[in-house]
Amino acid sequence: MERRRGTGIHPAALVAPPRRAHWLRTGLTARQERVFTWVARLVVVGMTAAWTASAIQAYDPRAKDAAPPRPGRAVDSSLLDPRARTAPYLSDQLLSSFRGRSGKLRAAFRTPGAPLGAPGAAPDAEVAAHFEDEEGAIVASQGFRAPQDPGMYRLAAEVGKATHAIDDLRVITLVPFSRKRNGRIGLYYLGRWPYEKGGTPRSAAYANPSGFVEVTRENRKTPVSEHFRLGDFLTKDQFEVWPKYMLLDARLLDKLELTIAELKARGVEVRHVQVMSGFRTPGYNEGGGNTAGRADLSRHMYGDAADVFVDNDGNGAMDDISGDGRVDTRDAEVIRDAAQKVEARYPALVGGIGVYQACCGHGPFTHVDVRGYRARW
């Protein structure tokens, strides 16, 4: 091949050599190198965008107004989340000790530090309880026991790495009876129980109570069973005094729920059961409202009795649940018969059952209690 005139350069030297791929030493072809380069560029762009967004959010003035998370709260809250991982056997064993024979209880009443499980119903494995109070604060616990401080708590139970948040149950730690001074706790007047001044109670059922449920304006609407709320059983006095204090026996709730189930099984429509009188303080039992027919040792003072009637239409009086076109004691007898069937099936819920006729501004109603022995009137 001739050299170009006047240049002294061979023509072959003017032709650029083929470009070698940068990644050829790794076995990539030129096409593969171009694809790899574009993918790498996209990754870098994505990372840069994410970093920029994080920086903007960090310097957003609105972020300064947000409350910082409490240390450890995220971990603790997961234990109280109903979506937390659950061991199937755990829920069966735990719920059987809380739900009662009816399966419809929504509250467990315990003295400070008392075991949560019913005797003989505690899970076999090591169980830890975690609590959250009404303000959302996590409360420390020791084993499977109620919190030491009186109040209302959400509960989550933990076995190993499995947890069960019982979201529709509240553990209520009672205010000790010893907090009562001169018949009062704070501004709320309770009075004195029959054997508080001395003497030997006729049975353990008439001994001084172990403690009280503290009821506030905020928690009074808390469900304690499927058909009843905490405030349904309050004494009807001292309307502007809060908090109030009361007694409420879970066995009474269980018996009422089973009676409702029995009524429904008999074809009676029951959408609402009105508690005409639940807990009565000794002071109110002695001189509050209409005292006609009240016993000095009324079970209402011990939180295990209630006067009830079916009131589906919300007019404040018994409905015609007997179906005879009238509202009278026959309707109260329908409730009585259902409660007696419950007692026959569950002897542990035996107690008093009485029928009352309309009088003094109220309609007929049925008295139900769980005093521990059979009584009828």
Protein backbone atom coordinates (compact mmCIF):
# COMPACT_ATOMS: atom_id res chain seq x y z
CA MET A 1 0.00 0.00 0.00
CA GLU A 2 1.35 3.38 -0.98
CA ARG A 3 2.10 6.13 1.48
CA ARG A 4 0.05 9.37 1.08
CA ARG A 5 2.06 11.96 -0.74
CA GLY A 6 3.69 14.59 1.37
CA THR A 7 2.63 13.18 4.69
CA GLY A 8 4.85 10.26 5.27
CA ILE A 9 1.97 8.47 6.98
CA HIS A 10 0.77 5.15 5.86
CA PRO A 11 -3.00 5.25 4.96
CA ALA A 12 -3.76 2.35 7.29
CA ALA A 13 -2.76 4.48 10.26
CA LEU A 14 -5.61 6.94 9.48
CA VAL A 15 -8.26 4.29 10.23
CA ALA A 16 -9.33 4.29 13.98
CA PRO A 17 -8.93 0.91 15.64
CA PRO A 18 -12.17 -0.76 16.87
CA ARG A 19 -13.22 0.35 20.44
CA ARG A 20 -12.68 -2.36 22.98
CA ALA A 21 -15.46 -2.97 25.54
CA HIS A 22 -14.48 -1.88 29.05
CA TRP A 23 -15.95 -5.07 30.55
CA LEU A 24 -14.49 -7.50 28.00
CA ARG A 25 -12.17 -8.86 30.62
CA THR A 26 -15.24 -10.08 32.52
CA GLY A 27 -16.73 -11.68 29.46
CA LEU A 28 -19.33 -8.99 28.54
CA THR A 29 -20.05 -8.19 24.94
CA ALA A 30 -20.39 -4.58 23.79
CA ARG A 31 -24.18 -4.86 23.82
CA GLN A 32 -24.20 -6.38 27.30
CA GLU A 33 -21.94 -3.58 28.50
CA ARG A 34 -24.41 -0.92 27.26
CA VAL A 35 -27.34 -2.66 29.01
CA PHE A 36 -25.35 -2.97 32.23
CA THR A 37 -24.38 0.71 32.08
CA TRP A 38 -28.00 1.88 31.74
CA VAL A 39 -29.14 -0.33 34.61
CA ALA A 40 -26.38 1.05 36.81
CA ARG A 41 -27.39 4.59 35.93
CA LEU A 42 -31.03 3.88 36.88
CA VAL A 43 -29.96 2.45 40.22
CA VAL A 44 -27.86 5.52 41.00
CA VAL A 45 -30.73 7.85 40.03
CA GLY A 46 -33.15 5.92 42.26
CA MET A 47 -30.79 6.04 45.24
CA THR A 48 -30.23 9.74 44.74
CA ALA A 49 -34.00 10.43 44.62
CA ALA A 50 -34.57 8.44 47.80
CA TRP A 51 -31.78 10.27 49.63
CA THR A 52 -33.17 13.63 48.49
CA ALA A 53 -36.69 12.77 49.71
CA SER A 54 -35.31 11.71 53.10
CA ALA A 55 -33.37 14.92 53.44
CA ILE A 56 -36.44 17.03 52.61
CA GLN A 57 -38.54 15.15 55.13
CA ALA A 58 -35.88 15.53 57.81
CA TYR A 59 -35.85 19.31 57.40
CA ASP A 60 -39.64 19.65 57.05
CA PRO A 61 -40.74 22.07 59.81
CA ARG A 62 -43.97 20.09 60.26
CA ALA A 63 -41.90 17.10 61.36
CA LYS A 64 -40.69 19.07 64.37
CA ASP A 65 -44.25 19.28 65.69
CA ALA A 66 -44.72 15.52 65.68
CA ALA A 67 -44.29 13.82 69.04
CA PRO A 68 -41.16 11.66 69.14
CA PRO A 69 -41.80 7.96 69.63
CA ARG A 70 -41.37 6.73 73.16
CA PRO A 71 -38.38 4.37 73.54
CA GLY A 72 -39.44 0.77 73.39
CA ARG A 73 -43.08 1.65 72.67
CA ALA A 74 -43.06 0.09 69.20
CA VAL A 75 -41.97 -3.25 70.59
CA ASP A 76 -44.37 -3.13 73.52
CA SER A 77 -47.33 -2.00 71.42
CA SER A 78 -46.90 -4.96 69.10
CA LEU A 79 -47.79 -7.19 72.02
CA LEU A 80 -51.12 -5.39 72.35
CA ASP A 81 -51.87 -5.46 68.63
CA PRO A 82 -54.67 -7.94 67.75
CA ARG A 83 -52.78 -8.67 64.53
CA ALA A 84 -49.77 -9.99 66.43
CA ARG A 85 -48.77 -13.60 65.84
CA THR A 86 -50.86 -15.87 68.03
CA ALA A 87 -50.56 -19.44 69.22
CA PRO A 88 -54.00 -21.03 68.61
CA TYR A 89 -53.96 -23.06 71.84
CA LEU A 90 -53.12 -19.92 73.81
CA SER A 91 -56.33 -18.12 72.96
CA ASP A 92 -58.50 -21.13 73.84
CA GLN A 93 -56.98 -21.56 77.28
CA LEU A 94 -56.89 -17.89 78.12
CA LEU A 95 -60.35 -17.02 76.93
CA SER A 96 -61.97 -19.88 78.83
CA SER A 97 -60.79 -18.32 82.10
CA PHE A 98 -62.05 -14.83 81.20
CA ARG A 99 -65.22 -15.33 79.14
CA GLY A 100 -67.26 -17.20 81.73
CA ARG A 101 -69.69 -20.01 81.07
CA SER A 102 -71.62 -17.81 78.67
CA GLY A 103 -68.51 -16.97 76.67
CA LYS A 104 -69.69 -13.34 76.59
CA LEU A 105 -67.83 -11.59 79.41
CA ARG A 106 -65.65 -8.63 78.48
CA ALA A 107 -64.11 -7.71 81.84
CA ALA A 108 -62.02 -9.45 84.49
CA PHE A 109 -62.08 -7.98 88.01
CA ARG A 110 -59.01 -8.59 90.17
CA THR A 111 -57.44 -7.25 93.34
CA PRO A 112 -53.95 -5.71 92.90
CA GLY A 113 -51.39 -8.34 91.88
CA ALA A 114 -53.92 -11.21 91.94
CA PRO A 115 -53.52 -14.09 89.44
CA LEU A 116 -55.41 -13.47 86.21
CA GLY A 117 -56.35 -17.03 85.38
CA ALA A 118 -59.17 -18.82 87.12
CA PRO A 119 -58.10 -21.65 89.48
CA GLY A 120 -57.14 -24.68 87.43
CA ALA A 121 -57.57 -22.79 84.14
CA ALA A 122 -54.10 -21.24 83.80
CA PRO A 123 -52.14 -22.27 80.70
CA ASP A 124 -49.57 -25.02 81.20
CA ALA A 125 -46.75 -23.03 79.64
CA GLU A 126 -45.09 -19.99 81.15
CA VAL A 127 -47.35 -17.02 80.41
CA ALA A 128 -46.47 -13.34 80.71
CA ALA A 129 -49.04 -10.55 80.81
CA HIS A 130 -48.55 -7.14 79.20
CA PHE A 131 -50.83 -4.22 79.98
CA GLU A 132 -51.69 -0.82 78.54
CA ASP A 133 -53.56 1.70 80.69
CA GLU A 134 -56.29 4.11 79.59
CA GLU A 135 -53.71 6.71 78.59
CA GLY A 136 -51.82 4.30 76.35
CA ALA A 137 -48.84 3.78 78.66
CA ILE A 138 -47.30 0.33 78.89
CA VAL A 139 -47.45 -1.07 82.41
CA ALA A 140 -44.91 -3.54 83.71
CA SER A 141 -46.18 -6.86 85.07
CA GLN A 142 -44.85 -9.84 86.95
CA GLY A 143 -45.98 -13.13 85.53
CA PHE A 144 -49.61 -13.64 84.73
CA ARG A 145 -51.02 -11.26 87.36
CA ALA A 146 -53.13 -8.12 87.48
CA PRO A 147 -51.35 -4.74 87.71
CA GLN A 148 -50.69 -3.38 91.19
CA ASP A 149 -52.23 0.02 90.52
CA PRO A 150 -56.05 0.24 90.41
CA GLY A 151 -57.45 1.03 87.00
CA MET A 152 -58.61 -0.38 83.67
CA TYR A 153 -56.15 -2.09 81.32
CA ARG A 154 -55.90 -3.70 77.93
CA LEU A 155 -54.24 -7.10 78.02
CA ALA A 156 -51.87 -9.08 75.83
CA ALA A 157 -50.62 -12.51 76.88
CA GLU A 158 -47.29 -13.87 75.69
CA VAL A 159 -45.93 -17.42 75.57
CA GLY A 160 -42.47 -17.61 74.10
CA LYS A 161 -42.61 -15.66 70.85
CA ALA A 162 -46.36 -16.09 70.42
CA THR A 163 -48.68 -13.35 71.66
CA HIS A 164 -52.41 -12.90 71.98
CA ALA A 165 -53.91 -9.43 72.32
CA ILE A 166 -57.35 -9.80 73.88
CA ASP A 167 -58.65 -6.56 72.42
CA ASP A 168 -62.26 -6.88 73.60
CA LEU A 169 -61.35 -7.62 77.22
CA ARG A 170 -60.44 -5.22 80.01
CA VAL A 171 -58.61 -6.19 83.16
CA ILE A 172 -59.92 -4.04 86.01
CA THR A 173 -57.74 -3.79 89.12
CA LEU A 174 -59.89 -2.95 92.13
CA VAL A 175 -59.38 -0.09 94.55
CA PRO A 176 -58.71 -1.78 97.93
CA PHE A 177 -61.50 -1.61 100.51
CA SER A 178 -58.97 -0.07 102.91
CA ARG A 179 -59.01 3.15 100.85
CA LYS A 180 -62.46 3.95 102.21
CA ARG A 181 -62.36 6.54 105.00
CA ASN A 182 -65.40 7.64 107.01
CA GLY A 183 -67.66 5.99 104.47
CA ARG A 184 -66.04 7.74 101.48
CA ILE A 185 -63.44 7.33 98.81
CA GLY A 186 -62.55 10.84 97.76
CA LEU A 187 -65.80 12.78 97.37
CA TYR A 188 -67.94 9.72 96.68
CA TYR A 189 -70.03 8.52 99.61
CA LEU A 190 -70.48 4.78 100.01
CA GLY A 191 -71.53 4.27 103.61
CA ARG A 192 -70.83 1.25 105.79
CA TRP A 193 -71.40 -2.43 105.06
CA PRO A 194 -73.54 -4.39 107.54
CA TYR A 195 -70.66 -6.12 109.31
CA GLU A 196 -68.10 -3.35 108.93
CA LYS A 197 -68.68 -2.21 112.51
CA GLY A 198 -68.14 -5.70 113.86
CA GLY A 199 -69.94 -8.98 114.31
CA THR A 200 -69.71 -12.26 112.45
CA PRO A 201 -71.16 -12.31 108.92
CA ARG A 202 -73.85 -14.94 108.37
CA SER A 203 -71.65 -16.32 105.56
CA ALA A 204 -68.62 -15.37 103.50
CA ALA A 205 -71.00 -13.82 100.95
CA TYR A 206 -71.81 -11.08 103.48
CA ALA A 207 -68.25 -10.22 104.46
CA ASN A 208 -66.79 -6.82 103.65
CA PRO A 209 -65.89 -6.43 99.96
CA SER A 210 -62.26 -6.82 98.91
CA GLY A 211 -62.26 -3.76 96.66
CA PHE A 212 -64.16 -1.44 94.33
CA VAL A 213 -64.29 -0.71 90.62
CA GLU A 214 -63.40 2.91 89.94
CA VAL A 215 -65.82 4.33 87.34
CA THR A 216 -65.00 7.56 85.52
CA ARG A 217 -66.90 9.66 83.00
CA GLU A 218 -64.60 8.21 80.35
CA ASN A 219 -64.75 4.49 81.16
CA ARG A 220 -68.42 4.13 82.20
CA LYS A 221 -69.41 3.05 78.67
CA THR A 222 -66.87 0.22 78.61
CA PRO A 223 -68.54 -3.12 77.76
CA VAL A 224 -68.31 -5.63 80.61
CA SER A 225 -70.22 -8.29 78.68
CA GLU A 226 -71.96 -8.61 75.33
CA HIS A 227 -75.16 -6.85 76.46
CA PHE A 228 -74.02 -4.68 79.38
CA ARG A 229 -71.73 -1.72 80.06
CA LEU A 230 -69.95 -0.75 83.25
CA GLY A 231 -72.18 2.25 83.88
CA ASP A 232 -75.37 0.17 83.69
CA PHE A 233 -74.77 -1.04 87.25
CA LEU A 234 -73.93 2.28 88.95
CA THR A 235 -75.87 3.49 91.98
CA LYS A 236 -78.32 6.15 90.87
CA ASP A 237 -77.15 9.01 93.08
CA GLN A 238 -74.42 11.66 93.40
CA PHE A 239 -74.73 12.36 89.69
CA GLU A 240 -72.07 15.08 89.56
CA VAL A 241 -69.47 13.25 91.65
CA TRP A 242 -66.69 11.52 89.70
CA PRO A 243 -65.04 9.10 89.96
CA LYS A 244 -67.63 6.76 91.45
CA TYR A 245 -67.01 3.40 93.08
CA MET A 246 -69.00 0.22 92.77
CA LEU A 247 -68.97 -3.57 93.12
CA LEU A 248 -69.71 -5.89 90.20
CA ASP A 249 -69.49 -9.67 90.32
CA ALA A 250 -68.53 -11.36 87.04
CA ARG A 251 -70.80 -14.29 87.96
CA LEU A 252 -73.80 -11.96 87.84
CA LEU A 253 -72.86 -10.85 84.33
CA ASP A 254 -72.46 -14.49 83.34
CA LYS A 255 -75.89 -15.42 84.72
CA LEU A 256 -77.59 -12.50 82.99
CA GLU A 257 -75.96 -13.34 79.65
CA LEU A 258 -76.98 -17.00 79.98
CA THR A 259 -80.53 -15.93 80.86
CA ILE A 260 -80.66 -13.79 77.73
CA ALA A 261 -79.43 -16.75 75.67
CA GLU A 262 -82.13 -18.94 77.24
CA LEU A 263 -84.82 -16.36 76.44
CA LYS A 264 -83.71 -16.28 72.83
CA ALA A 265 -83.71 -20.08 72.70
CA ARG A 266 -87.36 -19.91 73.78
CA GLY A 267 -88.21 -17.57 70.92
CA VAL A 268 -88.21 -14.32 72.93
CA GLU A 269 -86.78 -11.35 71.06
CA VAL A 270 -84.13 -9.68 73.22
CA ARG A 271 -82.28 -6.67 71.86
CA HIS A 272 -81.87 -4.75 75.10
CA VAL A 273 -82.08 -5.65 78.77
CA GLN A 274 -82.42 -2.66 81.10
CA VAL A 275 -80.78 -2.75 84.52
CA MET A 276 -83.26 -0.92 86.71
CA SER A 277 -81.08 -1.34 89.79
CA GLY A 278 -77.61 -2.85 89.96
CA PHE A 279 -75.09 -1.99 92.64
CA ARG A 280 -76.43 0.03 95.55
CA THR A 281 -74.10 1.60 98.09
CA PRO A 282 -75.08 0.89 101.72
CA GLY A 283 -75.84 4.59 102.09
CA TYR A 284 -78.25 4.55 99.14
CA ASN A 285 -79.75 1.19 100.12
CA GLU A 286 -80.62 2.64 103.50
CA GLY A 287 -82.13 5.95 102.50
CA GLY A 288 -81.90 6.66 98.77
CA GLY A 289 -84.86 6.67 96.39
CA ASN A 290 -87.79 4.39 97.11
CA THR A 291 -86.63 2.09 99.92
CA ALA A 292 -89.80 -0.02 100.03
CA GLY A 293 -89.00 -3.70 100.05
CA ARG A 294 -85.23 -3.29 100.43
CA ALA A 295 -83.50 -5.76 102.73
CA ASP A 296 -80.90 -4.68 105.26
CA LEU A 297 -78.60 -7.34 103.81
CA SER A 298 -79.56 -6.66 100.19
CA ARG A 299 -77.35 -8.43 97.67
CA HIS A 300 -77.30 -5.22 95.67
CA MET A 301 -74.77 -3.88 98.19
CA TYR A 302 -72.39 -6.70 97.24
CA GLY A 303 -72.51 -6.21 93.48
CA ASP A 304 -73.97 -9.63 92.67
CA ALA A 305 -77.62 -8.66 92.12
CA ALA A 306 -79.61 -6.79 89.48
CA ASP A 307 -83.25 -5.90 88.84
CA VAL A 308 -83.83 -6.23 85.11
CA PHE A 309 -86.47 -6.16 82.38
CA VAL A 310 -86.51 -6.56 78.61
CA ASP A 311 -86.93 -3.18 76.92
CA ASN A 312 -86.47 -3.56 73.18
CA ASP A 313 -88.47 -0.45 72.29
CA GLY A 314 -86.57 1.80 74.70
CA ASN A 315 -89.59 3.21 76.50
CA GLY A 316 -88.14 2.50 79.95
CA ALA A 317 -90.58 -0.29 80.83
CA MET A 318 -90.96 -4.04 80.43
CA ASP A 319 -92.05 -5.28 77.01
CA ASP A 320 -94.81 -7.81 76.39
CA ILE A 321 -92.43 -10.77 76.11
CA SER A 322 -95.08 -13.29 77.19
CA GLY A 323 -97.06 -12.45 74.05
CA ASP A 324 -100.43 -12.16 75.81
CA GLY A 325 -100.99 -8.55 74.76
CA ARG A 326 -100.39 -7.16 78.25
CA VAL A 327 -97.41 -6.01 80.33
CA ASP A 328 -97.60 -7.46 83.84
CA THR A 329 -95.87 -9.92 86.15
CA ARG A 330 -96.29 -12.68 83.57
CA ASP A 331 -93.55 -11.01 81.57
CA ALA A 332 -91.28 -10.93 84.62
CA GLU A 333 -92.07 -14.62 85.13
CA VAL A 334 -90.75 -15.38 81.64
CA ILE A 335 -87.36 -14.00 82.73
CA ARG A 336 -87.65 -15.90 86.04
CA ASP A 337 -88.23 -19.20 84.25
CA ALA A 338 -85.23 -18.63 81.99
CA ALA A 339 -82.99 -17.77 84.96
CA GLN A 340 -84.14 -20.90 86.80
CA LYS A 341 -83.19 -23.00 83.79
CA VAL A 342 -79.73 -21.41 83.87
CA GLU A 343 -79.33 -22.31 87.54
CA ALA A 344 -80.33 -25.90 86.87
CA ARG A 345 -77.67 -26.11 84.18
CA TYR A 346 -74.97 -24.17 86.08
CA PRO A 347 -75.21 -24.80 89.87
CA ALA A 348 -72.25 -22.48 90.52
CA LEU A 349 -74.54 -19.56 89.57
CA VAL A 350 -77.32 -20.39 92.01
CA GLY A 351 -78.88 -17.48 93.88
CA GLY A 352 -82.02 -15.48 94.36
CA ILE A 353 -84.73 -14.91 91.75
CA GLY A 354 -87.77 -12.75 92.48
CA VAL A 355 -90.71 -11.32 90.52
CA TYR A 356 -92.00 -7.79 91.17
CA GLN A 357 -95.14 -6.17 89.89
CA ALA A 358 -95.48 -2.64 88.54
CA CYS A 359 -95.38 -0.03 91.30
CA CYS A 360 -94.33 3.47 92.18
CA GLY A 361 -93.52 4.69 88.69
CA HIS A 362 -91.89 1.55 87.30
CA GLY A 363 -93.16 -1.52 85.46
CA PRO A 364 -92.73 -5.18 86.42
CA PHE A 365 -89.20 -6.56 86.69
CA THR A 366 -87.20 -9.59 87.74
CA HIS A 367 -84.54 -9.73 90.44
CA VAL A 368 -81.53 -11.99 89.71
CA ASP A 369 -78.53 -12.60 91.98
CA VAL A 370 -75.72 -15.12 92.60
CA ARG A 371 -75.67 -15.19 96.40
CA GLY A 372 -74.58 -18.83 96.47
CA TYR A 373 -77.76 -20.48 97.71
CA ARG A 374 -81.28 -20.79 96.30
CA ALA A 375 -83.86 -18.13 97.23
CA ARG A 376 -87.25 -17.44 95.61
CA TRP A 377 -90.00 -14.86 96.03
